[in-house]
Amino acid sequence: MPGARAGEIYNELIDNFTQVQFMLAITSFTHDKIASKLQFPLCLNQYKSLLTKAEDSVTAPKLLDFINMIKDFSQPLYRLKEDAKIMQQVEHLKKIIK
């Protein structure tokens, strides 16, 4: 089944992300198109899966703290970019993780 193979390739690619790539993927909600997609169950589940993979792979303490901040976010995740504290952390991460 071609769809199953595509899923395997997708997961393999993500498993090989660097910390910078994980940071870029995790903070992609700052783009309106991505944020709006987090309203849909499939996209939301994929994003949560990405967070789990990042948590297992990343070693930067600030990025791990940010992942936990997202996991503890009390509102729907498509609203992440509306939160000033979250956005402040995104800007901070962009400066320190290179």
PDB file of N, CA and C in Angstrom:
ATOM      1  N   MET A   1       0.833  -1.170   0.000  1.00  0.00           N
ATOM      2  CA  MET A   1       0.000   0.000   0.000  1.00  0.00           C
ATOM      3  C   MET A   1       0.891   1.252   0.000  1.00  0.00           C
ATOM      4  N   PRO A   2       0.770   2.120  -1.010  1.00  0.00           N
ATOM      5  CA  PRO A   2       1.638   3.283  -1.127  1.00  0.00           C
ATOM      6  C   PRO A   2       1.531   4.258   0.058  1.00  0.00           C
ATOM      7  N   GLY A   3       0.363   4.442   0.604  1.00  0.00           N
ATOM      8  CA  GLY A   3       0.183   5.364   1.734  1.00  0.00           C
ATOM      9  C   GLY A   3       0.961   4.945   2.961  1.00  0.00           C
ATOM     10  N   ALA A   4       1.017   3.643   3.204  1.00  0.00           N
ATOM     11  CA  ALA A   4       1.745   3.128   4.362  1.00  0.00           C
ATOM     12  C   ALA A   4       3.237   3.404   4.208  1.00  0.00           C
ATOM     13  N   ARG A   5       3.764   3.210   3.016  1.00  0.00           N
ATOM     14  CA  ARG A   5       5.186   3.463   2.760  1.00  0.00           C
ATOM     15  C   ARG A   5       5.487   4.949   2.928  1.00  0.00           C
ATOM     16  N   ALA A   6       4.600   5.803   2.480  1.00  0.00           N
ATOM     17  CA  ALA A   6       4.801   7.246   2.627  1.00  0.00           C
ATOM     18  C   ALA A   6       4.870   7.616   4.113  1.00  0.00           C
ATOM     19  N   GLY A   7       4.029   6.982   4.915  1.00  0.00           N
ATOM     20  CA  GLY A   7       4.049   7.224   6.357  1.00  0.00           C
ATOM     21  C   GLY A   7       5.357   6.792   6.983  1.00  0.00           C
ATOM     22  N   GLU A   8       5.890   5.663   6.513  1.00  0.00           N
ATOM     23  CA  GLU A   8       7.183   5.184   7.014  1.00  0.00           C
ATOM     24  C   GLU A   8       8.295   6.172   6.666  1.00  0.00           C
ATOM     25  N   ILE A   9       8.286   6.652   5.433  1.00  0.00           N
ATOM     26  CA  ILE A   9       9.308   7.612   4.996  1.00  0.00           C
ATOM     27  C   ILE A   9       9.186   8.901   5.791  1.00  0.00           C
ATOM     28  N   TYR A  10       7.965   9.364   5.987  1.00  0.00           N
ATOM     29  CA  TYR A  10       7.709  10.577   6.778  1.00  0.00           C
ATOM     30  C   TYR A  10       8.301  10.425   8.185  1.00  0.00           C
ATOM     31  N   ASN A  11       8.020   9.308   8.832  1.00  0.00           N
ATOM     32  CA  ASN A  11       8.534   9.067  10.189  1.00  0.00           C
ATOM     33  C   ASN A  11      10.054   8.935  10.204  1.00  0.00           C
ATOM     34  N   GLU A  12      10.601   8.289   9.190  1.00  0.00           N
ATOM     35  CA  GLU A  12      12.053   8.139   9.107  1.00  0.00           C
ATOM     36  C   GLU A  12      12.732   9.497   8.960  1.00  0.00           C
ATOM     37  N   LEU A  13      12.162  10.351   8.142  1.00  0.00           N
ATOM     38  CA  LEU A  13      12.720  11.701   7.968  1.00  0.00           C
ATOM     39  C   LEU A  13      12.699  12.475   9.280  1.00  0.00           C
ATOM     40  N   ILE A  14      11.575  12.429   9.974  1.00  0.00           N
ATOM     41  CA  ILE A  14      11.458  13.146  11.246  1.00  0.00           C
ATOM     42  C   ILE A  14      12.407  12.567  12.284  1.00  0.00           C
ATOM     43  N   ASP A  15      12.576  11.262  12.289  1.00  0.00           N
ATOM     44  CA  ASP A  15      13.495  10.632  13.240  1.00  0.00           C
ATOM     45  C   ASP A  15      14.931  11.117  13.053  1.00  0.00           C
ATOM     46  N   ASN A  16      15.248  11.615  11.877  1.00  0.00           N
ATOM     47  CA  ASN A  16      16.600  12.085  11.589  1.00  0.00           C
ATOM     48  C   ASN A  16      16.744  13.605  11.687  1.00  0.00           C
ATOM     49  N   PHE A  17      15.731  14.294  12.186  1.00  0.00           N
ATOM     50  CA  PHE A  17      15.814  15.746  12.345  1.00  0.00           C
ATOM     51  C   PHE A  17      16.937  16.114  13.311  1.00  0.00           C
ATOM     52  N   THR A  18      17.563  17.242  13.041  1.00  0.00           N
ATOM     53  CA  THR A  18      18.500  17.846  13.985  1.00  0.00           C
ATOM     54  C   THR A  18      17.682  18.673  14.980  1.00  0.00           C
ATOM     55  N   GLN A  19      18.334  19.178  16.019  1.00  0.00           N
ATOM     56  CA  GLN A  19      17.626  20.034  16.986  1.00  0.00           C
ATOM     57  C   GLN A  19      17.041  21.273  16.302  1.00  0.00           C
ATOM     58  N   VAL A  20      17.797  21.847  15.371  1.00  0.00           N
ATOM     59  CA  VAL A  20      17.322  23.029  14.655  1.00  0.00           C
ATOM     60  C   VAL A  20      16.077  22.688  13.844  1.00  0.00           C
ATOM     61  N   GLN A  21      16.088  21.551  13.171  1.00  0.00           N
ATOM     62  CA  GLN A  21      14.926  21.148  12.384  1.00  0.00           C
ATOM     63  C   GLN A  21      13.717  20.883  13.275  1.00  0.00           C
ATOM     64  N   PHE A  22      13.941  20.252  14.433  1.00  0.00           N
ATOM     65  CA  PHE A  22      12.835  20.060  15.369  1.00  0.00           C
ATOM     66  C   PHE A  22      12.296  21.409  15.838  1.00  0.00           C
ATOM     67  N   MET A  23      13.191  22.337  16.147  1.00  0.00           N
ATOM     68  CA  MET A  23      12.749  23.656  16.610  1.00  0.00           C
ATOM     69  C   MET A  23      11.914  24.343  15.531  1.00  0.00           C
ATOM     70  N   LEU A  24      12.367  24.287  14.291  1.00  0.00           N
ATOM     71  CA  LEU A  24      11.618  24.908  13.195  1.00  0.00           C
ATOM     72  C   LEU A  24      10.250  24.251  13.013  1.00  0.00           C
ATOM     73  N   ALA A  25      10.207  22.926  13.100  1.00  0.00           N
ATOM     74  CA  ALA A  25       8.938  22.208  12.938  1.00  0.00           C
ATOM     75  C   ALA A  25       7.986  22.499  14.096  1.00  0.00           C
ATOM     76  N   ILE A  26       8.522  22.491  15.303  1.00  0.00           N
ATOM     77  CA  ILE A  26       7.683  22.718  16.486  1.00  0.00           C
ATOM     78  C   ILE A  26       7.117  24.129  16.502  1.00  0.00           C
ATOM     79  N   THR A  27       7.901  25.099  16.032  1.00  0.00           N
ATOM     80  CA  THR A  27       7.446  26.498  16.056  1.00  0.00           C
ATOM     81  C   THR A  27       6.738  26.904  14.765  1.00  0.00           C
ATOM     82  N   SER A  28       6.455  25.951  13.901  1.00  0.00           N
ATOM     83  CA  SER A  28       5.804  26.270  12.630  1.00  0.00           C
ATOM     84  C   SER A  28       4.386  26.826  12.808  1.00  0.00           C
ATOM     85  N   PHE A  29       3.819  26.660  13.998  1.00  0.00           N
ATOM     86  CA  PHE A  29       2.484  27.215  14.271  1.00  0.00           C
ATOM     87  C   PHE A  29       2.467  28.738  14.192  1.00  0.00           C
ATOM     88  N   THR A  30       3.625  29.367  14.116  1.00  0.00           N
ATOM     89  CA  THR A  30       3.675  30.834  14.002  1.00  0.00           C
ATOM     90  C   THR A  30       3.200  31.295  12.631  1.00  0.00           C
ATOM     91  N   HIS A  31       3.110  30.383  11.680  1.00  0.00           N
ATOM     92  CA  HIS A  31       2.587  30.695  10.346  1.00  0.00           C
ATOM     93  C   HIS A  31       1.078  30.442  10.353  1.00  0.00           C
ATOM     94  N   ASP A  32       0.331  31.395   9.854  1.00  0.00           N
ATOM     95  CA  ASP A  32      -1.134  31.309   9.889  1.00  0.00           C
ATOM     96  C   ASP A  32      -1.676  30.014   9.280  1.00  0.00           C
ATOM     97  N   LYS A  33      -1.137  29.612   8.133  1.00  0.00           N
ATOM     98  CA  LYS A  33      -1.645  28.400   7.474  1.00  0.00           C
ATOM     99  C   LYS A  33      -1.442  27.162   8.342  1.00  0.00           C
ATOM    100  N   ILE A  34      -0.302  27.088   8.998  1.00  0.00           N
ATOM    101  CA  ILE A  34      -0.023  25.934   9.865  1.00  0.00           C
ATOM    102  C   ILE A  34      -0.910  25.987  11.097  1.00  0.00           C
ATOM    103  N   ALA A  35      -0.995  27.157  11.720  1.00  0.00           N
ATOM    104  CA  ALA A  35      -1.821  27.300  12.928  1.00  0.00           C
ATOM    105  C   ALA A  35      -3.260  26.884  12.649  1.00  0.00           C
ATOM    106  N   SER A  36      -3.795  27.301  11.512  1.00  0.00           N
ATOM    107  CA  SER A  36      -5.195  26.966  11.208  1.00  0.00           C
ATOM    108  C   SER A  36      -5.382  25.464  11.000  1.00  0.00           C
ATOM    109  N   LYS A  37      -4.354  24.779  10.516  1.00  0.00           N
ATOM    110  CA  LYS A  37      -4.459  23.331  10.301  1.00  0.00           C
ATOM    111  C   LYS A  37      -4.519  22.563  11.621  1.00  0.00           C
ATOM    112  N   LEU A  38      -4.038  23.171  12.706  1.00  0.00           N
ATOM    113  CA  LEU A  38      -4.073  22.496  14.008  1.00  0.00           C
ATOM    114  C   LEU A  38      -5.489  22.386  14.572  1.00  0.00           C
ATOM    115  N   GLN A  39      -6.474  22.872  13.832  1.00  0.00           N
ATOM    116  CA  GLN A  39      -7.876  22.702  14.220  1.00  0.00           C
ATOM    117  C   GLN A  39      -8.394  21.319  13.814  1.00  0.00           C
ATOM    118  N   PHE A  40      -7.684  20.665  12.908  1.00  0.00           N
ATOM    119  CA  PHE A  40      -8.148  19.402  12.354  1.00  0.00           C
ATOM    120  C   PHE A  40      -7.478  18.225  13.065  1.00  0.00           C
ATOM    121  N   PRO A  41      -8.249  17.192  13.415  1.00  0.00           N
ATOM    122  CA  PRO A  41      -7.719  16.072  14.206  1.00  0.00           C
ATOM    123  C   PRO A  41      -6.456  15.424  13.634  1.00  0.00           C
ATOM    124  N   LEU A  42      -6.412  15.157  12.331  1.00  0.00           N
ATOM    125  CA  LEU A  42      -5.242  14.505  11.753  1.00  0.00           C
ATOM    126  C   LEU A  42      -3.991  15.374  11.937  1.00  0.00           C
ATOM    127  N   CYS A  43      -4.111  16.654  11.622  1.00  0.00           N
ATOM    128  CA  CYS A  43      -2.968  17.569  11.750  1.00  0.00           C
ATOM    129  C   CYS A  43      -2.561  17.718  13.212  1.00  0.00           C
ATOM    130  N   LEU A  44      -3.523  17.815  14.082  1.00  0.00           N
ATOM    131  CA  LEU A  44      -3.243  17.948  15.515  1.00  0.00           C
ATOM    132  C   LEU A  44      -2.524  16.706  16.033  1.00  0.00           C
ATOM    133  N   ASN A  45      -2.978  15.529  15.623  1.00  0.00           N
ATOM    134  CA  ASN A  45      -2.328  14.283  16.053  1.00  0.00           C
ATOM    135  C   ASN A  45      -0.903  14.184  15.521  1.00  0.00           C
ATOM    136  N   GLN A  46      -0.686  14.611  14.281  1.00  0.00           N
ATOM    137  CA  GLN A  46       0.663  14.583  13.711  1.00  0.00           C
ATOM    138  C   GLN A  46       1.582  15.554  14.466  1.00  0.00           C
ATOM    139  N   TYR A  47       1.049  16.723  14.817  1.00  0.00           N
ATOM    140  CA  TYR A  47       1.840  17.704  15.550  1.00  0.00           C
ATOM    141  C   TYR A  47       2.202  17.163  16.935  1.00  0.00           C
ATOM    142  N   LYS A  48       1.252  16.533  17.602  1.00  0.00           N
ATOM    143  CA  LYS A  48       1.521  15.946  18.921  1.00  0.00           C
ATOM    144  C   LYS A  48       2.545  14.818  18.815  1.00  0.00           C
ATOM    145  N   SER A  49       2.476  14.047  17.748  1.00  0.00           N
ATOM    146  CA  SER A  49       3.458  12.999  17.507  1.00  0.00           C
ATOM    147  C   SER A  49       4.841  13.610  17.299  1.00  0.00           C
ATOM    148  N   LEU A  50       4.894  14.719  16.580  1.00  0.00           N
ATOM    149  CA  LEU A  50       6.147  15.437  16.372  1.00  0.00           C
ATOM    150  C   LEU A  50       6.728  15.896  17.711  1.00  0.00           C
ATOM    151  N   LEU A  51       5.886  16.409  18.591  1.00  0.00           N
ATOM    152  CA  LEU A  51       6.344  16.851  19.913  1.00  0.00           C
ATOM    153  C   LEU A  51       6.960  15.689  20.693  1.00  0.00           C
ATOM    154  N   THR A  52       6.320  14.529  20.626  1.00  0.00           N
ATOM    155  CA  THR A  52       6.830  13.350  21.330  1.00  0.00           C
ATOM    156  C   THR A  52       8.174  12.911  20.758  1.00  0.00           C
ATOM    157  N   LYS A  53       8.274  12.877  19.420  1.00  0.00           N
ATOM    158  CA  LYS A  53       9.540  12.506  18.789  1.00  0.00           C
ATOM    159  C   LYS A  53      10.636  13.499  19.170  1.00  0.00           C
ATOM    160  N   ALA A  54      10.300  14.780  19.186  1.00  0.00           N
ATOM    161  CA  ALA A  54      11.278  15.813  19.543  1.00  0.00           C
ATOM    162  C   ALA A  54      11.725  15.630  20.987  1.00  0.00           C
ATOM    163  N   GLU A  55      10.777  15.362  21.850  1.00  0.00           N
ATOM    164  CA  GLU A  55      11.086  15.178  23.270  1.00  0.00           C
ATOM    165  C   GLU A  55      12.065  14.016  23.477  1.00  0.00           C
ATOM    166  N   ASP A  56      11.942  12.989  22.659  1.00  0.00           N
ATOM    167  CA  ASP A  56      12.812  11.828  22.756  1.00  0.00           C
ATOM    168  C   ASP A  56      14.187  12.054  22.126  1.00  0.00           C
ATOM    169  N   SER A  57      14.300  13.064  21.255  1.00  0.00           N
ATOM    170  CA  SER A  57      15.538  13.260  20.493  1.00  0.00           C
ATOM    171  C   SER A  57      16.347  14.488  20.887  1.00  0.00           C
ATOM    172  N   VAL A  58      15.673  15.516  21.352  1.00  0.00           N
ATOM    173  CA  VAL A  58      16.314  16.799  21.622  1.00  0.00           C
ATOM    174  C   VAL A  58      17.058  16.763  22.956  1.00  0.00           C
ATOM    175  N   THR A  59      18.184  17.460  23.007  1.00  0.00           N
ATOM    176  CA  THR A  59      18.946  17.530  24.257  1.00  0.00           C
ATOM    177  C   THR A  59      19.003  18.949  24.828  1.00  0.00           C
ATOM    178  N   ALA A  60      18.635  19.959  24.035  1.00  0.00           N
ATOM    179  CA  ALA A  60      18.689  21.351  24.504  1.00  0.00           C
ATOM    180  C   ALA A  60      17.614  21.575  25.570  1.00  0.00           C
ATOM    181  N   PRO A  61      18.018  21.917  26.804  1.00  0.00           N
ATOM    182  CA  PRO A  61      17.050  22.089  27.896  1.00  0.00           C
ATOM    183  C   PRO A  61      15.962  23.118  27.592  1.00  0.00           C
ATOM    184  N   LYS A  62      16.317  24.221  26.953  1.00  0.00           N
ATOM    185  CA  LYS A  62      15.312  25.265  26.655  1.00  0.00           C
ATOM    186  C   LYS A  62      14.274  24.759  25.660  1.00  0.00           C
ATOM    187  N   LEU A  63      14.695  23.955  24.701  1.00  0.00           N
ATOM    188  CA  LEU A  63      13.754  23.403  23.733  1.00  0.00           C
ATOM    189  C   LEU A  63      12.856  22.364  24.397  1.00  0.00           C
ATOM    190  N   LEU A  64      13.425  21.557  25.277  1.00  0.00           N
ATOM    191  CA  LEU A  64      12.616  20.594  26.027  1.00  0.00           C
ATOM    192  C   LEU A  64      11.600  21.308  26.913  1.00  0.00           C
ATOM    193  N   ASP A  65      12.019  22.399  27.546  1.00  0.00           N
ATOM    194  CA  ASP A  65      11.084  23.200  28.358  1.00  0.00           C
ATOM    195  C   ASP A  65       9.955  23.740  27.495  1.00  0.00           C
ATOM    196  N   PHE A  66      10.305  24.183  26.281  1.00  0.00           N
ATOM    197  CA  PHE A  66       9.295  24.731  25.371  1.00  0.00           C
ATOM    198  C   PHE A  66       8.303  23.649  24.948  1.00  0.00           C
ATOM    199  N   ILE A  67       8.800  22.457  24.672  1.00  0.00           N
ATOM    200  CA  ILE A  67       7.911  21.345  24.307  1.00  0.00           C
ATOM    201  C   ILE A  67       6.922  21.084  25.449  1.00  0.00           C
ATOM    202  N   ASN A  68       7.419  21.078  26.660  1.00  0.00           N
ATOM    203  CA  ASN A  68       6.532  20.874  27.816  1.00  0.00           C
ATOM    204  C   ASN A  68       5.541  22.027  27.964  1.00  0.00           C
ATOM    205  N   MET A  69       5.974  23.224  27.648  1.00  0.00           N
ATOM    206  CA  MET A  69       5.079  24.383  27.711  1.00  0.00           C
ATOM    207  C   MET A  69       3.917  24.198  26.719  1.00  0.00           C
ATOM    208  N   ILE A  70       4.239  23.701  25.536  1.00  0.00           N
ATOM    209  CA  ILE A  70       3.197  23.452  24.531  1.00  0.00           C
ATOM    210  C   ILE A  70       2.271  22.336  24.999  1.00  0.00           C
ATOM    211  N   LYS A  71       2.851  21.264  25.533  1.00  0.00           N
ATOM    212  CA  LYS A  71       2.028  20.139  26.003  1.00  0.00           C
ATOM    213  C   LYS A  71       1.097  20.562  27.142  1.00  0.00           C
ATOM    214  N   ASP A  72       1.536  21.537  27.941  1.00  0.00           N
ATOM    215  CA  ASP A  72       0.719  22.018  29.065  1.00  0.00           C
ATOM    216  C   ASP A  72      -0.227  23.153  28.677  1.00  0.00           C
ATOM    217  N   PHE A  73      -0.193  23.574  27.420  1.00  0.00           N
ATOM    218  CA  PHE A  73      -1.020  24.700  26.961  1.00  0.00           C
ATOM    219  C   PHE A  73      -2.484  24.350  27.168  1.00  0.00           C
ATOM    220  N   SER A  74      -3.200  25.222  27.836  1.00  0.00           N
ATOM    221  CA  SER A  74      -4.568  24.906  28.250  1.00  0.00           C
ATOM    222  C   SER A  74      -5.627  25.185  27.182  1.00  0.00           C
ATOM    223  N   GLN A  75      -5.258  25.886  26.132  1.00  0.00           N
ATOM    224  CA  GLN A  75      -6.207  26.202  25.070  1.00  0.00           C
ATOM    225  C   GLN A  75      -5.948  25.279  23.870  1.00  0.00           C
ATOM    226  N   PRO A  76      -6.826  25.319  22.873  1.00  0.00           N
ATOM    227  CA  PRO A  76      -6.554  24.527  21.663  1.00  0.00           C
ATOM    228  C   PRO A  76      -5.217  24.970  21.042  1.00  0.00           C
ATOM    229  N   LEU A  77      -4.468  24.022  20.500  1.00  0.00           N
ATOM    230  CA  LEU A  77      -3.127  24.333  20.012  1.00  0.00           C
ATOM    231  C   LEU A  77      -3.105  25.299  18.834  1.00  0.00           C
ATOM    232  N   TYR A  78      -4.201  25.422  18.092  1.00  0.00           N
ATOM    233  CA  TYR A  78      -4.210  26.393  17.000  1.00  0.00           C
ATOM    234  C   TYR A  78      -4.156  27.827  17.534  1.00  0.00           C
ATOM    235  N   ARG A  79      -4.284  27.993  18.851  1.00  0.00           N
ATOM    236  CA  ARG A  79      -4.224  29.322  19.468  1.00  0.00           C
ATOM    237  C   ARG A  79      -2.847  29.628  20.065  1.00  0.00           C
ATOM    238  N   LEU A  80      -1.886  28.760  19.856  1.00  0.00           N
ATOM    239  CA  LEU A  80      -0.550  28.966  20.408  1.00  0.00           C
ATOM    240  C   LEU A  80       0.019  30.332  20.037  1.00  0.00           C
ATOM    241  N   LYS A  81      -0.124  30.721  18.772  1.00  0.00           N
ATOM    242  CA  LYS A  81       0.497  31.970  18.323  1.00  0.00           C
ATOM    243  C   LYS A  81      -0.178  33.210  18.904  1.00  0.00           C
ATOM    244  N   GLU A  82      -1.310  33.045  19.558  1.00  0.00           N
ATOM    245  CA  GLU A  82      -1.992  34.166  20.195  1.00  0.00           C
ATOM    246  C   GLU A  82      -1.490  34.412  21.616  1.00  0.00           C
ATOM    247  N   ASP A  83      -0.676  33.490  22.133  1.00  0.00           N
ATOM    248  CA  ASP A  83      -0.189  33.583  23.501  1.00  0.00           C
ATOM    249  C   ASP A  83       1.155  34.318  23.528  1.00  0.00           C
ATOM    250  N   ALA A  84       1.199  35.445  24.236  1.00  0.00           N
ATOM    251  CA  ALA A  84       2.405  36.282  24.275  1.00  0.00           C
ATOM    252  C   ALA A  84       3.604  35.544  24.872  1.00  0.00           C
ATOM    253  N   LYS A  85       3.379  34.765  25.916  1.00  0.00           N
ATOM    254  CA  LYS A  85       4.480  34.033  26.559  1.00  0.00           C
ATOM    255  C   LYS A  85       5.069  32.993  25.606  1.00  0.00           C
ATOM    256  N   ILE A  86       4.211  32.297  24.901  1.00  0.00           N
ATOM    257  CA  ILE A  86       4.663  31.296  23.927  1.00  0.00           C
ATOM    258  C   ILE A  86       5.479  31.979  22.827  1.00  0.00           C
ATOM    259  N   MET A  87       4.967  33.075  22.303  1.00  0.00           N
ATOM    260  CA  MET A  87       5.658  33.762  21.218  1.00  0.00           C
ATOM    261  C   MET A  87       7.000  34.340  21.677  1.00  0.00           C
ATOM    262  N   GLN A  88       7.068  34.767  22.913  1.00  0.00           N
ATOM    263  CA  GLN A  88       8.318  35.260  23.470  1.00  0.00           C
ATOM    264  C   GLN A  88       9.349  34.126  23.516  1.00  0.00           C
ATOM    265  N   GLN A  89       8.895  32.936  23.900  1.00  0.00           N
ATOM    266  CA  GLN A  89       9.781  31.777  23.944  1.00  0.00           C
ATOM    267  C   GLN A  89      10.247  31.370  22.545  1.00  0.00           C
ATOM    268  N   VAL A  90       9.360  31.489  21.558  1.00  0.00           N
ATOM    269  CA  VAL A  90       9.734  31.174  20.174  1.00  0.00           C
ATOM    270  C   VAL A  90      10.893  32.082  19.742  1.00  0.00           C
ATOM    271  N   GLU A  91      10.753  33.370  20.001  1.00  0.00           N
ATOM    272  CA  GLU A  91      11.809  34.316  19.626  1.00  0.00           C
ATOM    273  C   GLU A  91      13.110  33.997  20.359  1.00  0.00           C
ATOM    274  N   HIS A  92      13.019  33.650  21.611  1.00  0.00           N
ATOM    275  CA  HIS A  92      14.207  33.297  22.400  1.00  0.00           C
ATOM    276  C   HIS A  92      14.877  32.047  21.822  1.00  0.00           C
ATOM    277  N   LEU A  93      14.093  31.028  21.496  1.00  0.00           N
ATOM    278  CA  LEU A  93      14.638  29.798  20.923  1.00  0.00           C
ATOM    279  C   LEU A  93      15.347  30.051  19.609  1.00  0.00           C
ATOM    280  N   LYS A  94      14.765  30.906  18.775  1.00  0.00           N
ATOM    281  CA  LYS A  94      15.378  31.207  17.476  1.00  0.00           C
ATOM    282  C   LYS A  94      16.758  31.831  17.642  1.00  0.00           C
ATOM    283  N   LYS A  95      16.971  32.529  18.747  1.00  0.00           N
ATOM    284  CA  LYS A  95      18.258  33.168  18.989  1.00  0.00           C
ATOM    285  C   LYS A  95      19.299  32.201  19.549  1.00  0.00           C
ATOM    286  N   ILE A  96      18.861  31.222  20.346  1.00  0.00           N
ATOM    287  CA  ILE A  96      19.839  30.371  21.022  1.00  0.00           C
ATOM    288  C   ILE A  96      20.074  29.012  20.361  1.00  0.00           C
ATOM    289  N   ILE A  97      19.129  28.531  19.548  1.00  0.00           N
ATOM    290  CA  ILE A  97      19.306  27.215  18.926  1.00  0.00           C
ATOM    291  C   ILE A  97      19.624  27.430  17.451  1.00  0.00           C
ATOM    292  N   LYS A  98      20.871  27.148  17.132  1.00  0.00           N
ATOM    293  CA  LYS A  98      21.340  27.343  15.763  1.00  0.00           C
ATOM    294  C   LYS A  98      22.135  26.164  15.302  1.00  0.00           C
TER     295      LYS A  98
END
